[in-house]
Amino acid sequence: MIQLKEFKVLALSFPETEEHKHFENIAFKVSKKIFVTLNEQKNQACIKLSLVDQDVFAIAGKPSIYPVPNKWGKQGWTIIELDKMEYDLLTDALTTAFCTVAPKRLAEPYLKNLNNI
């Protein structure tokens, strides 16, 4: 189980990431683009992935990771149930989400690490 404080520390560990209010959630942005939102009441995160990455993480993280069940899910937005999530898989998913929206200069070091996994 991932604690909310632990999740926030992890999300903010990526370079140039900022925390903002986003409706009733918290959004974590890089270069003004959201890569993850956090719904503290539901203990859920919602990350932005490519459709291929969404499929991979949904298979690896069943039943903790799944597409948002509407048109947003068809654009790669993916829910993570934090109370069922393993830390290592969450780290990989957040890193992938960050790399999905971050400028190349920020994403490149993480992409090298992901490719070595």
C-alpha atoms as a PDB file:
ATOM      1  CA  MET A   1       0.000   0.000   0.000  1.00  0.00           C
ATOM      2  CA  ILE A   2       1.299   3.423  -0.961  1.00  0.00           C
ATOM      3  CA  GLN A   3       0.774   6.255   1.505  1.00  0.00           C
ATOM      4  CA  LEU A   4      -0.357   9.633   0.116  1.00  0.00           C
ATOM      5  CA  LYS A   5       2.695  11.428   1.486  1.00  0.00           C
ATOM      6  CA  GLU A   6       4.974   8.808  -0.078  1.00  0.00           C
ATOM      7  CA  PHE A   7       3.180   9.235  -3.418  1.00  0.00           C
ATOM      8  CA  LYS A   8       3.578  13.025  -3.357  1.00  0.00           C
ATOM      9  CA  VAL A   9       7.298  12.761  -2.582  1.00  0.00           C
ATOM     10  CA  LEU A  10       7.747  10.347  -5.477  1.00  0.00           C
ATOM     11  CA  ALA A  11       5.749  12.487  -7.933  1.00  0.00           C
ATOM     12  CA  LEU A  12       7.686  15.621  -6.960  1.00  0.00           C
ATOM     13  CA  SER A  13      11.038  13.841  -7.288  1.00  0.00           C
ATOM     14  CA  PHE A  14      11.031  14.322 -11.068  1.00  0.00           C
ATOM     15  CA  PRO A  15      12.850  17.442 -12.289  1.00  0.00           C
ATOM     16  CA  GLU A  16      10.851  20.644 -12.763  1.00  0.00           C
ATOM     17  CA  THR A  17       7.668  18.999 -11.459  1.00  0.00           C
ATOM     18  CA  GLU A  18       5.145  21.307  -9.821  1.00  0.00           C
ATOM     19  CA  GLU A  19       2.082  20.563  -7.702  1.00  0.00           C
ATOM     20  CA  HIS A  20      -1.186  22.373  -8.498  1.00  0.00           C
ATOM     21  CA  LYS A  21      -4.860  22.096  -7.608  1.00  0.00           C
ATOM     22  CA  HIS A  22      -6.892  20.478 -10.396  1.00  0.00           C
ATOM     23  CA  PHE A  23     -10.607  20.583  -9.587  1.00  0.00           C
ATOM     24  CA  GLU A  24     -10.915  18.405  -6.439  1.00  0.00           C
ATOM     25  CA  ASN A  25      -7.590  16.679  -7.159  1.00  0.00           C
ATOM     26  CA  ILE A  26      -3.909  17.522  -7.084  1.00  0.00           C
ATOM     27  CA  ALA A  27      -2.099  17.672 -10.423  1.00  0.00           C
ATOM     28  CA  PHE A  28       1.605  17.131 -10.908  1.00  0.00           C
ATOM     29  CA  LYS A  29       2.885  18.960 -13.967  1.00  0.00           C
ATOM     30  CA  VAL A  30       6.081  19.291 -15.926  1.00  0.00           C
ATOM     31  CA  SER A  31       6.354  22.104 -18.488  1.00  0.00           C
ATOM     32  CA  LYS A  32       2.695  22.968 -17.793  1.00  0.00           C
ATOM     33  CA  LYS A  33       1.569  19.459 -18.796  1.00  0.00           C
ATOM     34  CA  ILE A  34      -0.127  17.097 -16.343  1.00  0.00           C
ATOM     35  CA  PHE A  35       1.446  13.662 -16.062  1.00  0.00           C
ATOM     36  CA  VAL A  36      -0.446  12.516 -12.979  1.00  0.00           C
ATOM     37  CA  THR A  37      -3.343  13.590 -10.779  1.00  0.00           C
ATOM     38  CA  LEU A  38      -4.023  12.451  -7.235  1.00  0.00           C
ATOM     39  CA  ASN A  39      -7.467  11.972  -5.711  1.00  0.00           C
ATOM     40  CA  GLU A  40      -6.757  11.807  -1.988  1.00  0.00           C
ATOM     41  CA  GLN A  41     -10.329  10.854  -1.025  1.00  0.00           C
ATOM     42  CA  LYS A  42     -10.328   7.778  -3.277  1.00  0.00           C
ATOM     43  CA  ASN A  43      -6.625   7.006  -2.750  1.00  0.00           C
ATOM     44  CA  GLN A  44      -6.217   6.918  -6.539  1.00  0.00           C
ATOM     45  CA  ALA A  45      -3.801   8.387  -9.009  1.00  0.00           C
ATOM     46  CA  CYS A  46      -4.484   8.931 -12.690  1.00  0.00           C
ATOM     47  CA  ILE A  47      -1.473   8.902 -15.008  1.00  0.00           C
ATOM     48  CA  LYS A  48      -0.985   9.821 -18.667  1.00  0.00           C
ATOM     49  CA  LEU A  49       0.443   6.977 -20.746  1.00  0.00           C
ATOM     50  CA  SER A  50       0.659   6.011 -24.379  1.00  0.00           C
ATOM     51  CA  LEU A  51      -1.933   3.380 -25.302  1.00  0.00           C
ATOM     52  CA  VAL A  52       0.819   0.751 -25.612  1.00  0.00           C
ATOM     53  CA  ASP A  53       2.202   1.594 -22.151  1.00  0.00           C
ATOM     54  CA  GLN A  54      -1.330   1.631 -20.765  1.00  0.00           C
ATOM     55  CA  ASP A  55      -1.842  -1.954 -21.985  1.00  0.00           C
ATOM     56  CA  VAL A  56       1.492  -3.099 -20.559  1.00  0.00           C
ATOM     57  CA  PHE A  57       0.866  -1.574 -17.122  1.00  0.00           C
ATOM     58  CA  ALA A  58      -2.760  -2.776 -17.026  1.00  0.00           C
ATOM     59  CA  ILE A  59      -1.532  -6.342 -17.579  1.00  0.00           C
ATOM     60  CA  ALA A  60       1.374  -6.041 -15.114  1.00  0.00           C
ATOM     61  CA  GLY A  61      -0.660  -4.307 -12.431  1.00  0.00           C
ATOM     62  CA  LYS A  62      -4.000  -6.096 -12.613  1.00  0.00           C
ATOM     63  CA  PRO A  63      -6.312  -5.237 -10.831  1.00  0.00           C
ATOM     64  CA  SER A  64      -4.533  -2.128  -9.473  1.00  0.00           C
ATOM     65  CA  ILE A  65      -3.990  -0.362 -12.830  1.00  0.00           C
ATOM     66  CA  TYR A  66      -6.658   0.093 -15.488  1.00  0.00           C
ATOM     67  CA  PRO A  67      -7.789   2.592 -18.137  1.00  0.00           C
ATOM     68  CA  VAL A  68     -10.181   5.335 -17.099  1.00  0.00           C
ATOM     69  CA  PRO A  69     -13.546   3.884 -18.187  1.00  0.00           C
ATOM     70  CA  ASN A  70     -14.487   6.636 -20.658  1.00  0.00           C
ATOM     71  CA  LYS A  71     -13.030   8.625 -23.554  1.00  0.00           C
ATOM     72  CA  TRP A  72     -10.118   9.769 -21.355  1.00  0.00           C
ATOM     73  CA  GLY A  73      -9.027   6.152 -20.980  1.00  0.00           C
ATOM     74  CA  LYS A  74      -8.905   5.848 -24.759  1.00  0.00           C
ATOM     75  CA  GLN A  75      -6.399   8.721 -24.702  1.00  0.00           C
ATOM     76  CA  GLY A  76      -4.087   6.898 -22.290  1.00  0.00           C
ATOM     77  CA  TRP A  77      -5.332   8.165 -18.935  1.00  0.00           C
ATOM     78  CA  THR A  78      -4.918   5.294 -16.503  1.00  0.00           C
ATOM     79  CA  ILE A  79      -6.103   4.817 -12.914  1.00  0.00           C
ATOM     80  CA  ILE A  80      -3.832   3.443 -10.200  1.00  0.00           C
ATOM     81  CA  GLU A  81      -5.387   2.139  -6.977  1.00  0.00           C
ATOM     82  CA  LEU A  82      -2.734   3.175  -4.454  1.00  0.00           C
ATOM     83  CA  ASP A  83      -3.950   0.891  -1.665  1.00  0.00           C
ATOM     84  CA  LYS A  84      -3.284  -2.148  -3.902  1.00  0.00           C
ATOM     85  CA  MET A  85      -0.085  -0.951  -5.581  1.00  0.00           C
ATOM     86  CA  GLU A  86       3.482  -2.176  -5.166  1.00  0.00           C
ATOM     87  CA  TYR A  87       6.081   0.582  -4.843  1.00  0.00           C
ATOM     88  CA  ASP A  88       8.364  -0.619  -7.659  1.00  0.00           C
ATOM     89  CA  LEU A  89       5.528  -0.875 -10.179  1.00  0.00           C
ATOM     90  CA  LEU A  90       4.246   2.554  -9.143  1.00  0.00           C
ATOM     91  CA  THR A  91       7.723   4.011  -9.626  1.00  0.00           C
ATOM     92  CA  ASP A  92       7.937   2.544 -13.119  1.00  0.00           C
ATOM     93  CA  ALA A  93       4.431   3.769 -14.017  1.00  0.00           C
ATOM     94  CA  LEU A  94       5.084   7.315 -12.760  1.00  0.00           C
ATOM     95  CA  THR A  95       8.433   7.419 -14.544  1.00  0.00           C
ATOM     96  CA  THR A  96       6.758   6.347 -17.766  1.00  0.00           C
ATOM     97  CA  ALA A  97       4.008   8.949 -17.320  1.00  0.00           C
ATOM     98  CA  PHE A  98       6.601  11.649 -16.664  1.00  0.00           C
ATOM     99  CA  CYS A  99       8.517  10.651 -19.806  1.00  0.00           C
ATOM    100  CA  THR A 100       5.277  10.686 -21.817  1.00  0.00           C
ATOM    101  CA  VAL A 101       4.771  14.428 -21.302  1.00  0.00           C
ATOM    102  CA  ALA A 102       8.171  15.819 -20.265  1.00  0.00           C
ATOM    103  CA  PRO A 103      10.463  17.615 -22.695  1.00  0.00           C
ATOM    104  CA  LYS A 104      13.089  15.323 -24.203  1.00  0.00           C
ATOM    105  CA  ARG A 105      15.930  16.918 -22.220  1.00  0.00           C
ATOM    106  CA  LEU A 106      14.186  15.969 -18.947  1.00  0.00           C
ATOM    107  CA  ALA A 107      12.905  12.567 -20.043  1.00  0.00           C
ATOM    108  CA  GLU A 108      16.081  11.251 -21.672  1.00  0.00           C
ATOM    109  CA  PRO A 109      17.926  10.106 -18.498  1.00  0.00           C
ATOM    110  CA  TYR A 110      14.812   8.242 -17.296  1.00  0.00           C
ATOM    111  CA  LEU A 111      14.233   6.627 -20.687  1.00  0.00           C
ATOM    112  CA  LYS A 112      17.760   5.215 -20.586  1.00  0.00           C
ATOM    113  CA  ASN A 113      17.060   3.696 -17.158  1.00  0.00           C
ATOM    114  CA  LEU A 114      13.696   2.268 -18.255  1.00  0.00           C
ATOM    115  CA  ASN A 115      15.285   0.670 -21.302  1.00  0.00           C
ATOM    116  CA  ASN A 116      17.786  -1.094 -19.045  1.00  0.00           C
ATOM    117  CA  ILE A 117      15.055  -2.788 -16.986  1.00  0.00           C
END
